[in-house]
Amino acid sequence: MIKKLRKEIDTIDRNILKLLKKRVKVCKEIGRAKNKLRMGIVDRKREEEVLKRSGTFKPIFKEIIKTCRKVQK
């Protein structure tokens, strides 16, 4: 039973990683667009929107945002 559940977690983890990679790709595109428009990378209002809807996972999303900010440069 535990082995089966761990396999399920492994699948979930792979899906999370796939989605995080996709998020980073989109963040890079946003970074390029912001550079063309001569905008700053940080958008506090947008970040607060994301964090507000993240609920219990707010600390995780703070790290995701921080990481994505780095790739936008």
PDB file of N, CA and C in Angstrom:
ATOM      1  N   MET A   1       0.820  -1.193   0.000  1.00  0.00           N
ATOM      2  CA  MET A   1       0.000   0.000   0.000  1.00  0.00           C
ATOM      3  C   MET A   1       0.868   1.262   0.000  1.00  0.00           C
ATOM      4  N   ILE A   2       1.871   1.327   0.873  1.00  0.00           N
ATOM      5  CA  ILE A   2       2.740   2.500   0.931  1.00  0.00           C
ATOM      6  C   ILE A   2       3.499   2.637  -0.388  1.00  0.00           C
ATOM      7  N   LYS A   3       3.948   1.533  -0.940  1.00  0.00           N
ATOM      8  CA  LYS A   3       4.688   1.564  -2.197  1.00  0.00           C
ATOM      9  C   LYS A   3       3.822   2.169  -3.314  1.00  0.00           C
ATOM     10  N   LYS A   4       2.578   1.773  -3.359  1.00  0.00           N
ATOM     11  CA  LYS A   4       1.643   2.286  -4.368  1.00  0.00           C
ATOM     12  C   LYS A   4       1.435   3.791  -4.172  1.00  0.00           C
ATOM     13  N   LEU A   5       1.268   4.216  -2.951  1.00  0.00           N
ATOM     14  CA  LEU A   5       1.064   5.638  -2.657  1.00  0.00           C
ATOM     15  C   LEU A   5       2.313   6.451  -3.001  1.00  0.00           C
ATOM     16  N   ARG A   6       3.469   5.887  -2.744  1.00  0.00           N
ATOM     17  CA  ARG A   6       4.716   6.586  -3.080  1.00  0.00           C
ATOM     18  C   ARG A   6       4.868   6.729  -4.592  1.00  0.00           C
ATOM     19  N   LYS A   7       4.440   5.722  -5.341  1.00  0.00           N
ATOM     20  CA  LYS A   7       4.464   5.828  -6.799  1.00  0.00           C
ATOM     21  C   LYS A   7       3.533   6.945  -7.263  1.00  0.00           C
ATOM     22  N   GLU A   8       2.407   7.064  -6.602  1.00  0.00           N
ATOM     23  CA  GLU A   8       1.463   8.130  -6.930  1.00  0.00           C
ATOM     24  C   GLU A   8       2.083   9.503  -6.644  1.00  0.00           C
ATOM     25  N   ILE A   9       2.776   9.612  -5.507  1.00  0.00           N
ATOM     26  CA  ILE A   9       3.477  10.864  -5.175  1.00  0.00           C
ATOM     27  C   ILE A   9       4.543  11.161  -6.227  1.00  0.00           C
ATOM     28  N   ASP A  10       5.267  10.139  -6.665  1.00  0.00           N
ATOM     29  CA  ASP A  10       6.294  10.343  -7.698  1.00  0.00           C
ATOM     30  C   ASP A  10       5.668  10.902  -8.977  1.00  0.00           C
ATOM     31  N   THR A  11       4.525  10.385  -9.349  1.00  0.00           N
ATOM     32  CA  THR A  11       3.822  10.880 -10.534  1.00  0.00           C
ATOM     33  C   THR A  11       3.391  12.331 -10.344  1.00  0.00           C
ATOM     34  N   ILE A  12       2.855  12.620  -9.190  1.00  0.00           N
ATOM     35  CA  ILE A  12       2.439  13.996  -8.875  1.00  0.00           C
ATOM     36  C   ILE A  12       3.646  14.924  -8.923  1.00  0.00           C
ATOM     37  N   ASP A  13       4.750  14.509  -8.333  1.00  0.00           N
ATOM     38  CA  ASP A  13       5.970  15.324  -8.337  1.00  0.00           C
ATOM     39  C   ASP A  13       6.446  15.598  -9.762  1.00  0.00           C
ATOM     40  N   ARG A  14       6.402  14.585 -10.624  1.00  0.00           N
ATOM     41  CA  ARG A  14       6.806  14.788 -12.025  1.00  0.00           C
ATOM     42  C   ARG A  14       5.897  15.817 -12.697  1.00  0.00           C
ATOM     43  N   ASN A  15       4.608  15.743 -12.403  1.00  0.00           N
ATOM     44  CA  ASN A  15       3.662  16.708 -12.977  1.00  0.00           C
ATOM     45  C   ASN A  15       3.922  18.121 -12.453  1.00  0.00           C
ATOM     46  N   ILE A  16       4.216  18.233 -11.180  1.00  0.00           N
ATOM     47  CA  ILE A  16       4.529  19.546 -10.594  1.00  0.00           C
ATOM     48  C   ILE A  16       5.772  20.124 -11.273  1.00  0.00           C
ATOM     49  N   LEU A  17       6.805  19.300 -11.433  1.00  0.00           N
ATOM     50  CA  LEU A  17       8.036  19.768 -12.082  1.00  0.00           C
ATOM     51  C   LEU A  17       7.773  20.198 -13.526  1.00  0.00           C
ATOM     52  N   LYS A  18       6.962  19.443 -14.222  1.00  0.00           N
ATOM     53  CA  LYS A  18       6.615  19.782 -15.602  1.00  0.00           C
ATOM     54  C   LYS A  18       5.922  21.147 -15.652  1.00  0.00           C
ATOM     55  N   LEU A  19       4.998  21.373 -14.746  1.00  0.00           N
ATOM     56  CA  LEU A  19       4.283  22.643 -14.705  1.00  0.00           C
ATOM     57  C   LEU A  19       5.191  23.794 -14.273  1.00  0.00           C
ATOM     58  N   LEU A  20       6.093  23.537 -13.350  1.00  0.00           N
ATOM     59  CA  LEU A  20       7.033  24.580 -12.934  1.00  0.00           C
ATOM     60  C   LEU A  20       7.949  24.982 -14.087  1.00  0.00           C
ATOM     61  N   LYS A  21       8.400  24.002 -14.860  1.00  0.00           N
ATOM     62  CA  LYS A  21       9.234  24.303 -16.027  1.00  0.00           C
ATOM     63  C   LYS A  21       8.456  25.139 -17.040  1.00  0.00           C
ATOM     64  N   LYS A  22       7.189  24.810 -17.218  1.00  0.00           N
ATOM     65  CA  LYS A  22       6.332  25.572 -18.127  1.00  0.00           C
ATOM     66  C   LYS A  22       6.150  27.000 -17.607  1.00  0.00           C
ATOM     67  N   ARG A  23       5.980  27.146 -16.302  1.00  0.00           N
ATOM     68  CA  ARG A  23       5.822  28.476 -15.687  1.00  0.00           C
ATOM     69  C   ARG A  23       7.075  29.314 -15.899  1.00  0.00           C
ATOM     70  N   VAL A  24       8.243  28.699 -15.726  1.00  0.00           N
ATOM     71  CA  VAL A  24       9.507  29.413 -15.928  1.00  0.00           C
ATOM     72  C   VAL A  24       9.618  29.872 -17.380  1.00  0.00           C
ATOM     73  N   LYS A  25       9.237  29.021 -18.307  1.00  0.00           N
ATOM     74  CA  LYS A  25       9.284  29.377 -19.732  1.00  0.00           C
ATOM     75  C   LYS A  25       8.414  30.606 -20.005  1.00  0.00           C
ATOM     76  N   VAL A  26       7.217  30.605 -19.466  1.00  0.00           N
ATOM     77  CA  VAL A  26       6.305  31.737 -19.658  1.00  0.00           C
ATOM     78  C   VAL A  26       6.864  32.987 -18.983  1.00  0.00           C
ATOM     79  N   CYS A  27       7.456  32.830 -17.806  1.00  0.00           N
ATOM     80  CA  CYS A  27       8.066  33.973 -17.106  1.00  0.00           C
ATOM     81  C   CYS A  27       9.193  34.582 -17.924  1.00  0.00           C
ATOM     82  N   LYS A  28       9.964  33.746 -18.606  1.00  0.00           N
ATOM     83  CA  LYS A  28      11.029  34.255 -19.466  1.00  0.00           C
ATOM     84  C   LYS A  28      10.442  35.094 -20.595  1.00  0.00           C
ATOM     85  N   GLU A  29       9.336  34.620 -21.166  1.00  0.00           N
ATOM     86  CA  GLU A  29       8.671  35.362 -22.232  1.00  0.00           C
ATOM     87  C   GLU A  29       8.150  36.704 -21.709  1.00  0.00           C
ATOM     88  N   ILE A  30       7.588  36.687 -20.508  1.00  0.00           N
ATOM     89  CA  ILE A  30       7.113  37.925 -19.896  1.00  0.00           C
ATOM     90  C   ILE A  30       8.289  38.873 -19.662  1.00  0.00           C
ATOM     91  N   GLY A  31       9.411  38.338 -19.192  1.00  0.00           N
ATOM     92  CA  GLY A  31      10.600  39.146 -18.969  1.00  0.00           C
ATOM     93  C   GLY A  31      11.076  39.826 -20.246  1.00  0.00           C
ATOM     94  N   ARG A  32      11.085  39.081 -21.364  1.00  0.00           N
ATOM     95  CA  ARG A  32      11.477  39.664 -22.647  1.00  0.00           C
ATOM     96  C   ARG A  32      10.506  40.770 -23.068  1.00  0.00           C
ATOM     97  N   ALA A  33       9.204  40.521 -22.875  1.00  0.00           N
ATOM     98  CA  ALA A  33       8.204  41.522 -23.228  1.00  0.00           C
ATOM     99  C   ALA A  33       8.363  42.772 -22.369  1.00  0.00           C
ATOM    100  N   LYS A  34       8.607  42.580 -21.078  1.00  0.00           N
ATOM    101  CA  LYS A  34       8.808  43.724 -20.183  1.00  0.00           C
ATOM    102  C   LYS A  34      10.044  44.520 -20.574  1.00  0.00           C
ATOM    103  N   ASN A  35      11.107  43.821 -20.978  1.00  0.00           N
ATOM    104  CA  ASN A  35      12.316  44.512 -21.418  1.00  0.00           C
ATOM    105  C   ASN A  35      12.048  45.368 -22.650  1.00  0.00           C
ATOM    106  N   LYS A  36      11.309  44.815 -23.601  1.00  0.00           N
ATOM    107  CA  LYS A  36      10.968  45.565 -24.809  1.00  0.00           C
ATOM    108  C   LYS A  36      10.152  46.809 -24.472  1.00  0.00           C
ATOM    109  N   LEU A  37       9.280  46.669 -23.481  1.00  0.00           N
ATOM    110  CA  LEU A  37       8.423  47.790 -23.073  1.00  0.00           C
ATOM    111  C   LEU A  37       9.099  48.688 -22.046  1.00  0.00           C
ATOM    112  N   ARG A  38      10.348  48.328 -21.702  1.00  0.00           N
ATOM    113  CA  ARG A  38      11.127  49.076 -20.705  1.00  0.00           C
ATOM    114  C   ARG A  38      10.400  49.147 -19.350  1.00  0.00           C
ATOM    115  N   MET A  39       9.838  48.014 -18.981  1.00  0.00           N
ATOM    116  CA  MET A  39       9.150  47.891 -17.694  1.00  0.00           C
ATOM    117  C   MET A  39      10.071  47.196 -16.703  1.00  0.00           C
ATOM    118  N   GLY A  40       9.833  47.432 -15.430  1.00  0.00           N
ATOM    119  CA  GLY A  40      10.556  46.715 -14.396  1.00  0.00           C
ATOM    120  C   GLY A  40      10.074  45.272 -14.313  1.00  0.00           C
ATOM    121  N   ILE A  41      10.918  44.421 -13.777  1.00  0.00           N
ATOM    122  CA  ILE A  41      10.585  43.003 -13.660  1.00  0.00           C
ATOM    123  C   ILE A  41       9.532  42.763 -12.575  1.00  0.00           C
ATOM    124  N   VAL A  42       9.674  43.436 -11.454  1.00  0.00           N
ATOM    125  CA  VAL A  42       8.802  43.184 -10.302  1.00  0.00           C
ATOM    126  C   VAL A  42       7.467  43.916 -10.470  1.00  0.00           C
ATOM    127  N   ASP A  43       6.386  43.163 -10.279  1.00  0.00           N
ATOM    128  CA  ASP A  43       5.030  43.716 -10.291  1.00  0.00           C
ATOM    129  C   ASP A  43       4.373  43.265  -8.988  1.00  0.00           C
ATOM    130  N   ARG A  44       4.522  44.083  -7.965  1.00  0.00           N
ATOM    131  CA  ARG A  44       4.046  43.723  -6.622  1.00  0.00           C
ATOM    132  C   ARG A  44       2.550  43.412  -6.601  1.00  0.00           C
ATOM    133  N   LYS A  45       1.773  44.185  -7.347  1.00  0.00           N
ATOM    134  CA  LYS A  45       0.317  43.957  -7.360  1.00  0.00           C
ATOM    135  C   LYS A  45       0.006  42.556  -7.895  1.00  0.00           C
ATOM    136  N   ARG A  46       0.654  42.191  -8.988  1.00  0.00           N
ATOM    137  CA  ARG A  46       0.444  40.864  -9.574  1.00  0.00           C
ATOM    138  C   ARG A  46       0.907  39.769  -8.613  1.00  0.00           C
ATOM    139  N   GLU A  47       2.039  39.980  -7.974  1.00  0.00           N
ATOM    140  CA  GLU A  47       2.549  38.993  -7.024  1.00  0.00           C
ATOM    141  C   GLU A  47       1.581  38.802  -5.865  1.00  0.00           C
ATOM    142  N   GLU A  48       1.013  39.887  -5.372  1.00  0.00           N
ATOM    143  CA  GLU A  48       0.048  39.789  -4.275  1.00  0.00           C
ATOM    144  C   GLU A  48      -1.198  39.014  -4.695  1.00  0.00           C
ATOM    145  N   GLU A  49      -1.636  39.204  -5.946  1.00  0.00           N
ATOM    146  CA  GLU A  49      -2.785  38.443  -6.463  1.00  0.00           C
ATOM    147  C   GLU A  49      -2.489  36.948  -6.435  1.00  0.00           C
ATOM    148  N   VAL A  50      -1.290  36.594  -6.903  1.00  0.00           N
ATOM    149  CA  VAL A  50      -0.894  35.184  -6.939  1.00  0.00           C
ATOM    150  C   VAL A  50      -0.815  34.618  -5.521  1.00  0.00           C
ATOM    151  N   LEU A  51      -0.198  35.364  -4.619  1.00  0.00           N
ATOM    152  CA  LEU A  51      -0.042  34.893  -3.246  1.00  0.00           C
ATOM    153  C   LEU A  51      -1.385  34.784  -2.531  1.00  0.00           C
ATOM    154  N   LYS A  52      -2.284  35.694  -2.821  1.00  0.00           N
ATOM    155  CA  LYS A  52      -3.604  35.681  -2.182  1.00  0.00           C
ATOM    156  C   LYS A  52      -4.368  34.401  -2.506  1.00  0.00           C
ATOM    157  N   ARG A  53      -4.269  33.957  -3.751  1.00  0.00           N
ATOM    158  CA  ARG A  53      -5.017  32.755  -4.138  1.00  0.00           C
ATOM    159  C   ARG A  53      -4.275  31.458  -3.818  1.00  0.00           C
ATOM    160  N   SER A  54      -3.034  31.576  -3.333  1.00  0.00           N
ATOM    161  CA  SER A  54      -2.251  30.369  -3.056  1.00  0.00           C
ATOM    162  C   SER A  54      -2.582  29.715  -1.718  1.00  0.00           C
ATOM    163  N   GLY A  55      -3.283  30.435  -0.854  1.00  0.00           N
ATOM    164  CA  GLY A  55      -3.738  29.856   0.409  1.00  0.00           C
ATOM    165  C   GLY A  55      -2.614  29.271   1.248  1.00  0.00           C
ATOM    166  N   THR A  56      -2.789  28.041   1.644  1.00  0.00           N
ATOM    167  CA  THR A  56      -1.840  27.333   2.493  1.00  0.00           C
ATOM    168  C   THR A  56      -0.451  27.254   1.855  1.00  0.00           C
ATOM    169  N   PHE A  57      -0.399  27.327   0.543  1.00  0.00           N
ATOM    170  CA  PHE A  57       0.851  27.154  -0.184  1.00  0.00           C
ATOM    171  C   PHE A  57       1.581  28.472  -0.435  1.00  0.00           C
ATOM    172  N   LYS A  58       1.187  29.513   0.295  1.00  0.00           N
ATOM    173  CA  LYS A  58       1.794  30.837   0.127  1.00  0.00           C
ATOM    174  C   LYS A  58       3.326  30.806   0.229  1.00  0.00           C
ATOM    175  N   PRO A  59       3.904  30.137   1.231  1.00  0.00           N
ATOM    176  CA  PRO A  59       5.380  30.100   1.309  1.00  0.00           C
ATOM    177  C   PRO A  59       6.016  29.460   0.066  1.00  0.00           C
ATOM    178  N   ILE A  60       5.373  28.458  -0.473  1.00  0.00           N
ATOM    179  CA  ILE A  60       5.893  27.798  -1.669  1.00  0.00           C
ATOM    180  C   ILE A  60       5.818  28.745  -2.858  1.00  0.00           C
ATOM    181  N   PHE A  61       4.688  29.440  -2.978  1.00  0.00           N
ATOM    182  CA  PHE A  61       4.525  30.363  -4.095  1.00  0.00           C
ATOM    183  C   PHE A  61       5.461  31.563  -3.981  1.00  0.00           C
ATOM    184  N   LYS A  62       5.805  31.958  -2.777  1.00  0.00           N
ATOM    185  CA  LYS A  62       6.793  33.028  -2.610  1.00  0.00           C
ATOM    186  C   LYS A  62       8.122  32.591  -3.233  1.00  0.00           C
ATOM    187  N   GLU A  63       8.496  31.356  -3.010  1.00  0.00           N
ATOM    188  CA  GLU A  63       9.745  30.821  -3.572  1.00  0.00           C
ATOM    189  C   GLU A  63       9.645  30.678  -5.091  1.00  0.00           C
ATOM    190  N   ILE A  64       8.492  30.262  -5.573  1.00  0.00           N
ATOM    191  CA  ILE A  64       8.296  30.134  -7.021  1.00  0.00           C
ATOM    192  C   ILE A  64       8.442  31.507  -7.672  1.00  0.00           C
ATOM    193  N   ILE A  65       7.808  32.512  -7.093  1.00  0.00           N
ATOM    194  CA  ILE A  65       7.892  33.870  -7.630  1.00  0.00           C
ATOM    195  C   ILE A  65       9.338  34.351  -7.614  1.00  0.00           C
ATOM    196  N   LYS A  66      10.016  34.112  -6.510  1.00  0.00           N
ATOM    197  CA  LYS A  66      11.416  34.530  -6.368  1.00  0.00           C
ATOM    198  C   LYS A  66      12.283  33.875  -7.457  1.00  0.00           C
ATOM    199  N   THR A  67      12.086  32.614  -7.685  1.00  0.00           N
ATOM    200  CA  THR A  67      12.842  31.886  -8.703  1.00  0.00           C
ATOM    201  C   THR A  67      12.509  32.399 -10.102  1.00  0.00           C
ATOM    202  N   CYS A  68      11.235  32.624 -10.362  1.00  0.00           N
ATOM    203  CA  CYS A  68      10.832  33.106 -11.681  1.00  0.00           C
ATOM    204  C   CYS A  68      11.346  34.514 -11.946  1.00  0.00           C
ATOM    205  N   ARG A  69      11.443  35.317 -10.914  1.00  0.00           N
ATOM    206  CA  ARG A  69      12.000  36.670 -11.063  1.00  0.00           C
ATOM    207  C   ARG A  69      13.439  36.606 -11.577  1.00  0.00           C
ATOM    208  N   LYS A  70      14.191  35.629 -11.074  1.00  0.00           N
ATOM    209  CA  LYS A  70      15.594  35.483 -11.467  1.00  0.00           C
ATOM    210  C   LYS A  70      15.719  35.154 -12.954  1.00  0.00           C
ATOM    211  N   VAL A  71      14.817  34.344 -13.476  1.00  0.00           N
ATOM    212  CA  VAL A  71      14.916  33.938 -14.885  1.00  0.00           C
ATOM    213  C   VAL A  71      14.404  35.017 -15.833  1.00  0.00           C
ATOM    214  N   GLN A  72      13.656  35.984 -15.314  1.00  0.00           N
ATOM    215  CA  GLN A  72      13.135  37.047 -16.168  1.00  0.00           C
ATOM    216  C   GLN A  72      14.209  38.057 -16.544  1.00  0.00           C
ATOM    217  N   LYS A  73      15.281  38.098 -15.822  1.00  0.00           N
ATOM    218  CA  LYS A  73      16.321  39.111 -16.068  1.00  0.00           C
ATOM    219  C   LYS A  73      17.101  38.828 -17.317  1.00  0.00           C
TER     220      LYS A  73
END
